[in-house]
Amino acid sequence: METNTTVLVFKTNINYKKDLKLIEPLFSNVTEISTWSVDLEDHDKVLRLESSTIDIKTIIKIINEAGFFCEELLD
């Protein structure tokens, strides 16, 4: 059975590897996220994640509750 995976892209203020260590356990508890990464070299500190079911507002809430800024990047 094939699932439709969507790539979601967000602008964040996640700047350091230590910040990633704070976020990693939060995302590991969310089974709907198959993969995720943050481009620390990008000006917008872009968070990309793949999911078939998770809501954009849920991702923003997770990041905000960890103390970081997060907004969806639109095409």
PDB file of N, CA and C in Angstrom:
ATOM      1  N   MET A   1       0.842  -1.173   0.000  1.00  0.00           N
ATOM      2  CA  MET A   1       0.000   0.000   0.000  1.00  0.00           C
ATOM      3  C   MET A   1       0.897   1.249   0.000  1.00  0.00           C
ATOM      4  N   GLU A   2       0.619   2.181  -0.867  1.00  0.00           N
ATOM      5  CA  GLU A   2       1.427   3.381  -1.000  1.00  0.00           C
ATOM      6  C   GLU A   2       0.785   4.538  -0.236  1.00  0.00           C
ATOM      7  N   THR A   3       1.616   5.248   0.511  1.00  0.00           N
ATOM      8  CA  THR A   3       1.116   6.420   1.213  1.00  0.00           C
ATOM      9  C   THR A   3       1.630   7.675   0.537  1.00  0.00           C
ATOM     10  N   ASN A   4       0.810   8.697   0.526  1.00  0.00           N
ATOM     11  CA  ASN A   4       1.222   9.979  -0.014  1.00  0.00           C
ATOM     12  C   ASN A   4       1.961  10.745   1.069  1.00  0.00           C
ATOM     13  N   THR A   5       3.242  10.931   0.866  1.00  0.00           N
ATOM     14  CA  THR A   5       4.036  11.688   1.818  1.00  0.00           C
ATOM     15  C   THR A   5       4.157  13.105   1.304  1.00  0.00           C
ATOM     16  N   THR A   6       3.952  14.048   2.197  1.00  0.00           N
ATOM     17  CA  THR A   6       4.052  15.456   1.865  1.00  0.00           C
ATOM     18  C   THR A   6       5.298  16.029   2.518  1.00  0.00           C
ATOM     19  N   VAL A   7       6.009  16.876   1.778  1.00  0.00           N
ATOM     20  CA  VAL A   7       7.147  17.588   2.342  1.00  0.00           C
ATOM     21  C   VAL A   7       6.647  18.960   2.794  1.00  0.00           C
ATOM     22  N   LEU A   8       6.810  19.243   4.068  1.00  0.00           N
ATOM     23  CA  LEU A   8       6.425  20.526   4.632  1.00  0.00           C
ATOM     24  C   LEU A   8       7.693  21.328   4.897  1.00  0.00           C
ATOM     25  N   VAL A   9       7.637  22.635   4.616  1.00  0.00           N
ATOM     26  CA  VAL A   9       8.818  23.482   4.735  1.00  0.00           C
ATOM     27  C   VAL A   9       8.481  24.694   5.612  1.00  0.00           C
ATOM     28  N   PHE A  10       9.352  24.971   6.584  1.00  0.00           N
ATOM     29  CA  PHE A  10       9.120  26.040   7.544  1.00  0.00           C
ATOM     30  C   PHE A  10      10.358  26.905   7.713  1.00  0.00           C
ATOM     31  N   LYS A  11      10.139  28.184   7.978  1.00  0.00           N
ATOM     32  CA  LYS A  11      11.196  29.111   8.373  1.00  0.00           C
ATOM     33  C   LYS A  11      11.264  29.065   9.891  1.00  0.00           C
ATOM     34  N   THR A  12      12.483  28.958  10.448  1.00  0.00           N
ATOM     35  CA  THR A  12      12.644  28.893  11.898  1.00  0.00           C
ATOM     36  C   THR A  12      13.790  29.802  12.346  1.00  0.00           C
ATOM     37  N   ASN A  13      13.996  29.851  13.643  1.00  0.00           N
ATOM     38  CA  ASN A  13      15.187  30.503  14.184  1.00  0.00           C
ATOM     39  C   ASN A  13      16.039  29.489  14.947  1.00  0.00           C
ATOM     40  N   ILE A  14      16.021  28.260  14.485  1.00  0.00           N
ATOM     41  CA  ILE A  14      16.841  27.193  15.057  1.00  0.00           C
ATOM     42  C   ILE A  14      18.259  27.396  14.508  1.00  0.00           C
ATOM     43  N   ASN A  15      19.179  27.808  15.365  1.00  0.00           N
ATOM     44  CA  ASN A  15      20.493  28.226  14.888  1.00  0.00           C
ATOM     45  C   ASN A  15      21.630  27.240  15.121  1.00  0.00           C
ATOM     46  N   TYR A  16      21.521  26.401  16.129  1.00  0.00           N
ATOM     47  CA  TYR A  16      22.681  25.622  16.553  1.00  0.00           C
ATOM     48  C   TYR A  16      22.354  24.137  16.673  1.00  0.00           C
ATOM     49  N   LYS A  17      23.405  23.332  16.645  1.00  0.00           N
ATOM     50  CA  LYS A  17      23.230  21.889  16.809  1.00  0.00           C
ATOM     51  C   LYS A  17      22.604  21.570  18.162  1.00  0.00           C
ATOM     52  N   LYS A  18      22.925  22.388  19.183  1.00  0.00           N
ATOM     53  CA  LYS A  18      22.328  22.153  20.509  1.00  0.00           C
ATOM     54  C   LYS A  18      20.813  22.365  20.463  1.00  0.00           C
ATOM     55  N   ASP A  19      20.358  23.268  19.578  1.00  0.00           N
ATOM     56  CA  ASP A  19      18.914  23.471  19.403  1.00  0.00           C
ATOM     57  C   ASP A  19      18.265  22.230  18.802  1.00  0.00           C
ATOM     58  N   LEU A  20      18.971  21.605  17.867  1.00  0.00           N
ATOM     59  CA  LEU A  20      18.447  20.382  17.245  1.00  0.00           C
ATOM     60  C   LEU A  20      18.272  19.286  18.291  1.00  0.00           C
ATOM     61  N   LYS A  21      19.182  19.239  19.245  1.00  0.00           N
ATOM     62  CA  LYS A  21      19.083  18.223  20.305  1.00  0.00           C
ATOM     63  C   LYS A  21      17.849  18.441  21.191  1.00  0.00           C
ATOM     64  N   LEU A  22      17.387  19.687  21.294  1.00  0.00           N
ATOM     65  CA  LEU A  22      16.164  19.967  22.047  1.00  0.00           C
ATOM     66  C   LEU A  22      14.920  19.535  21.281  1.00  0.00           C
ATOM     67  N   ILE A  23      14.981  19.661  19.965  1.00  0.00           N
ATOM     68  CA  ILE A  23      13.821  19.366  19.123  1.00  0.00           C
ATOM     69  C   ILE A  23      13.706  17.879  18.809  1.00  0.00           C
ATOM     70  N   GLU A  24      14.840  17.216  18.685  1.00  0.00           N
ATOM     71  CA  GLU A  24      14.841  15.807  18.289  1.00  0.00           C
ATOM     72  C   GLU A  24      13.899  14.934  19.117  1.00  0.00           C
ATOM     73  N   PRO A  25      13.927  15.004  20.454  1.00  0.00           N
ATOM     74  CA  PRO A  25      13.002  14.139  21.207  1.00  0.00           C
ATOM     75  C   PRO A  25      11.536  14.503  20.996  1.00  0.00           C
ATOM     76  N   LEU A  26      11.264  15.763  20.722  1.00  0.00           N
ATOM     77  CA  LEU A  26       9.876  16.171  20.478  1.00  0.00           C
ATOM     78  C   LEU A  26       9.353  15.546  19.189  1.00  0.00           C
ATOM     79  N   PHE A  27      10.180  15.559  18.148  1.00  0.00           N
ATOM     80  CA  PHE A  27       9.767  14.972  16.874  1.00  0.00           C
ATOM     81  C   PHE A  27       9.774  13.445  16.916  1.00  0.00           C
ATOM     82  N   SER A  28      10.656  12.862  17.699  1.00  0.00           N
ATOM     83  CA  SER A  28      10.702  11.394  17.753  1.00  0.00           C
ATOM     84  C   SER A  28       9.440  10.829  18.390  1.00  0.00           C
ATOM     85  N   ASN A  29       8.724  11.654  19.157  1.00  0.00           N
ATOM     86  CA  ASN A  29       7.466  11.215  19.771  1.00  0.00           C
ATOM     87  C   ASN A  29       6.279  11.330  18.816  1.00  0.00           C
ATOM     88  N   VAL A  30       6.490  11.924  17.649  1.00  0.00           N
ATOM     89  CA  VAL A  30       5.406  12.128  16.686  1.00  0.00           C
ATOM     90  C   VAL A  30       5.554  11.097  15.568  1.00  0.00           C
ATOM     91  N   THR A  31       4.739  10.057  15.618  1.00  0.00           N
ATOM     92  CA  THR A  31       4.875   8.956  14.670  1.00  0.00           C
ATOM     93  C   THR A  31       4.519   9.352  13.233  1.00  0.00           C
ATOM     94  N   GLU A  32       3.771  10.445  13.079  1.00  0.00           N
ATOM     95  CA  GLU A  32       3.376  10.869  11.728  1.00  0.00           C
ATOM     96  C   GLU A  32       4.537  11.476  10.937  1.00  0.00           C
ATOM     97  N   ILE A  33       5.632  11.829  11.600  1.00  0.00           N
ATOM     98  CA  ILE A  33       6.792  12.409  10.914  1.00  0.00           C
ATOM     99  C   ILE A  33       7.739  11.281  10.525  1.00  0.00           C
ATOM    100  N   SER A  34       7.982  11.136   9.218  1.00  0.00           N
ATOM    101  CA  SER A  34       8.894  10.073   8.781  1.00  0.00           C
ATOM    102  C   SER A  34      10.347  10.544   8.793  1.00  0.00           C
ATOM    103  N   THR A  35      10.620  11.753   8.331  1.00  0.00           N
ATOM    104  CA  THR A  35      11.965  12.320   8.398  1.00  0.00           C
ATOM    105  C   THR A  35      11.869  13.824   8.586  1.00  0.00           C
ATOM    106  N   TRP A  36      12.934  14.401   9.124  1.00  0.00           N
ATOM    107  CA  TRP A  36      12.986  15.850   9.277  1.00  0.00           C
ATOM    108  C   TRP A  36      14.434  16.301   9.310  1.00  0.00           C
ATOM    109  N   SER A  37      14.656  17.570   8.946  1.00  0.00           N
ATOM    110  CA  SER A  37      15.994  18.156   9.004  1.00  0.00           C
ATOM    111  C   SER A  37      15.866  19.670   9.055  1.00  0.00           C
ATOM    112  N   VAL A  38      16.908  20.303   9.594  1.00  0.00           N
ATOM    113  CA  VAL A  38      16.983  21.755   9.618  1.00  0.00           C
ATOM    114  C   VAL A  38      18.281  22.147   8.933  1.00  0.00           C
ATOM    115  N   ASP A  39      18.189  23.035   7.947  1.00  0.00           N
ATOM    116  CA  ASP A  39      19.366  23.535   7.246  1.00  0.00           C
ATOM    117  C   ASP A  39      19.909  24.731   8.026  1.00  0.00           C
ATOM    118  N   LEU A  40      20.902  24.480   8.873  1.00  0.00           N
ATOM    119  CA  LEU A  40      21.465  25.528   9.715  1.00  0.00           C
ATOM    120  C   LEU A  40      22.267  26.549   8.915  1.00  0.00           C
ATOM    121  N   GLU A  41      22.656  26.187   7.689  1.00  0.00           N
ATOM    122  CA  GLU A  41      23.421  27.099   6.833  1.00  0.00           C
ATOM    123  C   GLU A  41      22.516  28.082   6.098  1.00  0.00           C
ATOM    124  N   ASP A  42      21.265  27.747   5.931  1.00  0.00           N
ATOM    125  CA  ASP A  42      20.320  28.596   5.209  1.00  0.00           C
ATOM    126  C   ASP A  42      19.951  29.811   6.059  1.00  0.00           C
ATOM    127  N   HIS A  43      19.770  30.939   5.412  1.00  0.00           N
ATOM    128  CA  HIS A  43      19.396  32.186   6.102  1.00  0.00           C
ATOM    129  C   HIS A  43      18.095  32.025   6.909  1.00  0.00           C
ATOM    130  N   ASP A  44      17.151  31.268   6.361  1.00  0.00           N
ATOM    131  CA  ASP A  44      15.859  31.061   7.014  1.00  0.00           C
ATOM    132  C   ASP A  44      15.833  29.864   7.959  1.00  0.00           C
ATOM    133  N   LYS A  45      16.981  29.196   8.146  1.00  0.00           N
ATOM    134  CA  LYS A  45      17.059  28.017   9.028  1.00  0.00           C
ATOM    135  C   LYS A  45      15.901  27.070   8.730  1.00  0.00           C
ATOM    136  N   VAL A  46      15.843  26.633   7.497  1.00  0.00           N
ATOM    137  CA  VAL A  46      14.689  25.904   6.965  1.00  0.00           C
ATOM    138  C   VAL A  46      14.548  24.516   7.585  1.00  0.00           C
ATOM    139  N   LEU A  47      13.368  24.284   8.137  1.00  0.00           N
ATOM    140  CA  LEU A  47      12.968  22.969   8.638  1.00  0.00           C
ATOM    141  C   LEU A  47      12.170  22.291   7.540  1.00  0.00           C
ATOM    142  N   ARG A  48      12.604  21.099   7.145  1.00  0.00           N
ATOM    143  CA  ARG A  48      11.867  20.290   6.167  1.00  0.00           C
ATOM    144  C   ARG A  48      11.494  18.985   6.851  1.00  0.00           C
ATOM    145  N   LEU A  49      10.257  18.596   6.683  1.00  0.00           N
ATOM    146  CA  LEU A  49       9.870  17.294   7.207  1.00  0.00           C
ATOM    147  C   LEU A  49       8.900  16.607   6.275  1.00  0.00           C
ATOM    148  N   GLU A  50       8.911  15.299   6.371  1.00  0.00           N
ATOM    149  CA  GLU A  50       8.020  14.478   5.553  1.00  0.00           C
ATOM    150  C   GLU A  50       7.004  13.820   6.453  1.00  0.00           C
ATOM    151  N   SER A  51       5.746  13.925   6.026  1.00  0.00           N
ATOM    152  CA  SER A  51       4.655  13.321   6.768  1.00  0.00           C
ATOM    153  C   SER A  51       3.489  13.079   5.835  1.00  0.00           C
ATOM    154  N   SER A  52       2.712  12.078   6.134  1.00  0.00           N
ATOM    155  CA  SER A  52       1.519  11.819   5.333  1.00  0.00           C
ATOM    156  C   SER A  52       0.266  12.368   5.994  1.00  0.00           C
ATOM    157  N   THR A  53       0.358  12.687   7.298  1.00  0.00           N
ATOM    158  CA  THR A  53      -0.874  13.035   7.997  1.00  0.00           C
ATOM    159  C   THR A  53      -0.794  14.238   8.928  1.00  0.00           C
ATOM    160  N   ILE A  54       0.375  14.692   9.277  1.00  0.00           N
ATOM    161  CA  ILE A  54       0.467  15.714  10.332  1.00  0.00           C
ATOM    162  C   ILE A  54       0.003  17.083   9.836  1.00  0.00           C
ATOM    163  N   ASP A  55      -0.579  17.817  10.734  1.00  0.00           N
ATOM    164  CA  ASP A  55      -1.106  19.145  10.447  1.00  0.00           C
ATOM    165  C   ASP A  55      -0.005  20.202  10.615  1.00  0.00           C
ATOM    166  N   ILE A  56       0.010  21.187   9.749  1.00  0.00           N
ATOM    167  CA  ILE A  56       1.003  22.261   9.800  1.00  0.00           C
ATOM    168  C   ILE A  56       0.962  22.968  11.148  1.00  0.00           C
ATOM    169  N   LYS A  57      -0.225  23.213  11.665  1.00  0.00           N
ATOM    170  CA  LYS A  57      -0.353  23.898  12.955  1.00  0.00           C
ATOM    171  C   LYS A  57       0.279  23.094  14.085  1.00  0.00           C
ATOM    172  N   THR A  58       0.242  21.774  13.983  1.00  0.00           N
ATOM    173  CA  THR A  58       0.843  20.922  14.998  1.00  0.00           C
ATOM    174  C   THR A  58       2.358  21.104  15.017  1.00  0.00           C
ATOM    175  N   ILE A  59       2.978  21.157  13.844  1.00  0.00           N
ATOM    176  CA  ILE A  59       4.424  21.356  13.760  1.00  0.00           C
ATOM    177  C   ILE A  59       4.800  22.710  14.358  1.00  0.00           C
ATOM    178  N   ILE A  60       4.079  23.749  13.963  1.00  0.00           N
ATOM    179  CA  ILE A  60       4.364  25.090  14.475  1.00  0.00           C
ATOM    180  C   ILE A  60       4.225  25.111  16.000  1.00  0.00           C
ATOM    181  N   LYS A  61       3.207  24.445  16.515  1.00  0.00           N
ATOM    182  CA  LYS A  61       2.994  24.393  17.969  1.00  0.00           C
ATOM    183  C   LYS A  61       4.151  23.683  18.668  1.00  0.00           C
ATOM    184  N   ILE A  62       4.617  22.570  18.119  1.00  0.00           N
ATOM    185  CA  ILE A  62       5.732  21.829  18.712  1.00  0.00           C
ATOM    186  C   ILE A  62       6.980  22.710  18.783  1.00  0.00           C
ATOM    187  N   ILE A  63       7.285  23.387  17.687  1.00  0.00           N
ATOM    188  CA  ILE A  63       8.479  24.239  17.636  1.00  0.00           C
ATOM    189  C   ILE A  63       8.325  25.436  18.570  1.00  0.00           C
ATOM    190  N   ASN A  64       7.155  26.073  18.559  1.00  0.00           N
ATOM    191  CA  ASN A  64       6.916  27.227  19.431  1.00  0.00           C
ATOM    192  C   ASN A  64       7.022  26.845  20.910  1.00  0.00           C
ATOM    193  N   GLU A  65       6.472  25.702  21.270  1.00  0.00           N
ATOM    194  CA  GLU A  65       6.516  25.266  22.668  1.00  0.00           C
ATOM    195  C   GLU A  65       7.933  24.915  23.117  1.00  0.00           C
ATOM    196  N   ALA A  66       8.809  24.628  22.160  1.00  0.00           N
ATOM    197  CA  ALA A  66      10.215  24.387  22.482  1.00  0.00           C
ATOM    198  C   ALA A  66      10.984  25.702  22.593  1.00  0.00           C
ATOM    199  N   GLY A  67      10.299  26.826  22.320  1.00  0.00           N
ATOM    200  CA  GLY A  67      10.915  28.131  22.480  1.00  0.00           C
ATOM    201  C   GLY A  67      11.466  28.737  21.208  1.00  0.00           C
ATOM    202  N   PHE A  68      11.079  28.194  20.056  1.00  0.00           N
ATOM    203  CA  PHE A  68      11.594  28.679  18.785  1.00  0.00           C
ATOM    204  C   PHE A  68      10.478  29.262  17.926  1.00  0.00           C
ATOM    205  N   PHE A  69      10.878  30.133  17.012  1.00  0.00           N
ATOM    206  CA  PHE A  69       9.971  30.702  16.010  1.00  0.00           C
ATOM    207  C   PHE A  69       9.808  29.700  14.885  1.00  0.00           C
ATOM    208  N   CYS A  70       8.611  29.625  14.316  1.00  0.00           N
ATOM    209  CA  CYS A  70       8.361  28.733  13.198  1.00  0.00           C
ATOM    210  C   CYS A  70       7.174  29.235  12.400  1.00  0.00           C
ATOM    211  N   GLU A  71       7.345  29.337  11.075  1.00  0.00           N
ATOM    212  CA  GLU A  71       6.216  29.653  10.202  1.00  0.00           C
ATOM    213  C   GLU A  71       6.393  28.893   8.907  1.00  0.00           C
ATOM    214  N   GLU A  72       5.273  28.558   8.294  1.00  0.00           N
ATOM    215  CA  GLU A  72       5.312  27.812   7.043  1.00  0.00           C
ATOM    216  C   GLU A  72       5.884  28.684   5.933  1.00  0.00           C
ATOM    217  N   LEU A  73       6.761  28.103   5.121  1.00  0.00           N
ATOM    218  CA  LEU A  73       7.271  28.765   3.923  1.00  0.00           C
ATOM    219  C   LEU A  73       6.416  28.322   2.754  1.00  0.00           C
ATOM    220  N   LEU A  74       5.805  29.265   2.088  1.00  0.00           N
ATOM    221  CA  LEU A  74       4.944  28.961   0.948  1.00  0.00           C
ATOM    222  C   LEU A  74       5.705  29.184  -0.351  1.00  0.00           C
ATOM    223  N   ASP A  75       5.271  28.471  -1.381  1.00  0.00           N
ATOM    224  CA  ASP A  75       5.920  28.611  -2.702  1.00  0.00           C
ATOM    225  C   ASP A  75       5.786  30.011  -3.254  1.00  0.00           C
TER     226      ASP A  75
END
